Every structure is written in structure tokens, then in C-alpha cells.
Amino acid sequence: MVVEHIIYKENGEEFKSFLNSNWYDTATPYQLCISELKKIKNEIDSGKAFLIVSYDQKYKISTSKEFEKWIVNIFLGGFEKFVFEK
């Protein structure tokens, strides 16, 4: 298992890391992943920004919309419908 996505705080400190989304394909890992993604979203909603490195590409994320776009287009797996549910 290889970490594919690393989330860094603005100060460069590693905040969270994730495997490829395919590893979260059963109920418990899927729910854990949703919970962790929601924590990141809540941090963003409180004004924090993150640098996400996915597959050696860097993404500066400072809004929920940017984070949602990253989940949909890069992280994959359909997590956005649960992370951003109203």
C-alpha cells in the first residue's frame, strides 16, 4: 500500500494522508475516509488552507469548492456526496 495523497497545513506540517481511494471500498474504511475528509473540509471552512500532493502534483486548497473539485477529479470514489451533504 502506497500513500497517494498527502495533505499539508499552511506551515508545511503533514496533516493527513490517504491511500488510493480504491483501498476504501468496504463500509468501515469508507466511513473512516469520509470522516477524515469532513475534518479537512471543516478546517477549510474555518479559514485554513492546505497543500495537497497527489500523484506528485501539488494542489493549493483554500476553499470548500476547491476541495470538492479535488475530491471529484483527483481523489475519486464518490466521497463528495457524503463530505458535502447538506
Protein backbone atom coordinates (compact mmCIF):
# COMPACT_ATOMS: atom_id res chain seq x y z
CA MET A 1 0.00 0.00 0.00
CA VAL A 2 1.37 3.34 -1.06
CA VAL A 3 0.26 6.72 0.22
CA GLU A 4 -1.03 8.61 -2.82
CA HIS A 5 -2.36 11.80 -1.23
CA ILE A 6 -0.70 13.89 1.48
CA ILE A 7 -2.37 16.96 2.99
CA TYR A 8 -0.12 19.63 4.47
CA LYS A 9 -1.04 22.56 6.68
CA GLU A 10 -0.01 26.04 5.56
CA ASN A 11 3.08 25.82 7.77
CA GLY A 12 4.22 22.69 5.89
CA GLU A 13 3.31 20.23 8.64
CA GLU A 14 1.74 16.99 7.42
CA PHE A 15 -1.93 16.95 8.46
CA LYS A 16 -3.39 13.78 6.91
CA SER A 17 -2.50 11.20 4.29
CA PHE A 18 -4.58 8.79 2.24
CA LEU A 19 -4.05 5.71 0.15
CA ASN A 20 -5.57 5.46 -3.31
CA SER A 21 -9.34 5.74 -2.92
CA ASN A 22 -9.74 2.15 -4.14
CA TRP A 23 -8.49 0.97 -0.73
CA TYR A 24 -11.59 2.46 0.94
CA ASP A 25 -14.06 0.16 -0.82
CA THR A 26 -15.72 -1.53 2.15
CA ALA A 27 -18.05 0.03 4.71
CA THR A 28 -15.73 0.70 7.65
CA PRO A 29 -12.76 2.11 5.68
CA TYR A 30 -15.17 4.12 3.50
CA GLN A 31 -16.83 5.69 6.55
CA LEU A 32 -13.44 6.43 8.14
CA CYS A 33 -12.28 8.13 4.94
CA ILE A 34 -15.48 10.24 4.80
CA SER A 35 -14.93 11.27 8.42
CA GLU A 36 -11.34 12.32 7.75
CA LEU A 37 -12.30 14.23 4.60
CA LYS A 38 -15.05 16.02 6.57
CA LYS A 39 -12.44 17.08 9.15
CA ILE A 40 -10.38 18.64 6.37
CA LYS A 41 -13.48 20.37 4.96
CA ASN A 42 -14.29 21.77 8.41
CA GLU A 43 -10.76 23.14 8.73
CA ILE A 44 -11.10 24.78 5.30
CA ASP A 45 -14.50 26.22 6.28
CA SER A 46 -12.84 27.77 9.35
CA GLY A 47 -10.35 29.61 7.13
CA LYS A 48 -7.40 27.23 6.92
CA ALA A 49 -5.69 26.39 3.65
CA PHE A 50 -3.88 23.22 2.67
CA LEU A 51 -1.40 21.98 0.13
CA ILE A 52 -2.33 18.55 -1.19
CA VAL A 53 0.21 16.44 -3.03
CA SER A 54 -1.46 13.75 -5.13
CA TYR A 55 0.47 11.60 -7.57
CA ASP A 56 3.36 14.10 -7.37
CA GLN A 57 1.08 17.01 -8.35
CA LYS A 58 0.50 19.91 -5.94
CA TYR A 59 -2.91 21.47 -5.27
CA LYS A 60 -3.35 24.61 -3.16
CA ILE A 61 -6.75 24.26 -1.46
CA SER A 62 -8.23 27.24 0.37
CA THR A 63 -11.97 26.93 -0.31
CA SER A 64 -14.54 24.17 0.04
CA LYS A 65 -15.23 24.41 -3.69
CA GLU A 66 -11.55 23.76 -4.48
CA PHE A 67 -11.55 20.83 -2.05
CA GLU A 68 -14.71 19.38 -3.60
CA LYS A 69 -13.16 19.70 -7.06
CA TRP A 70 -10.05 17.87 -5.82
CA ILE A 71 -12.17 15.05 -4.35
CA VAL A 72 -14.23 14.69 -7.55
CA ASN A 73 -11.40 14.93 -10.09
CA ILE A 74 -8.31 13.63 -8.28
CA PHE A 75 -9.24 11.56 -5.21
CA LEU A 76 -12.27 9.91 -6.87
CA GLY A 77 -14.51 7.30 -5.27
CA GLY A 78 -17.75 9.27 -4.88
CA PHE A 79 -16.84 10.66 -1.45
CA GLU A 80 -18.00 14.18 -2.30
CA LYS A 81 -21.69 13.29 -1.96
CA PHE A 82 -21.12 12.43 1.71
CA VAL A 83 -18.49 15.02 2.60
CA PHE A 84 -20.60 17.87 1.23
CA GLU A 85 -24.08 16.57 2.10
CA LYS A 86 -26.42 19.20 3.42
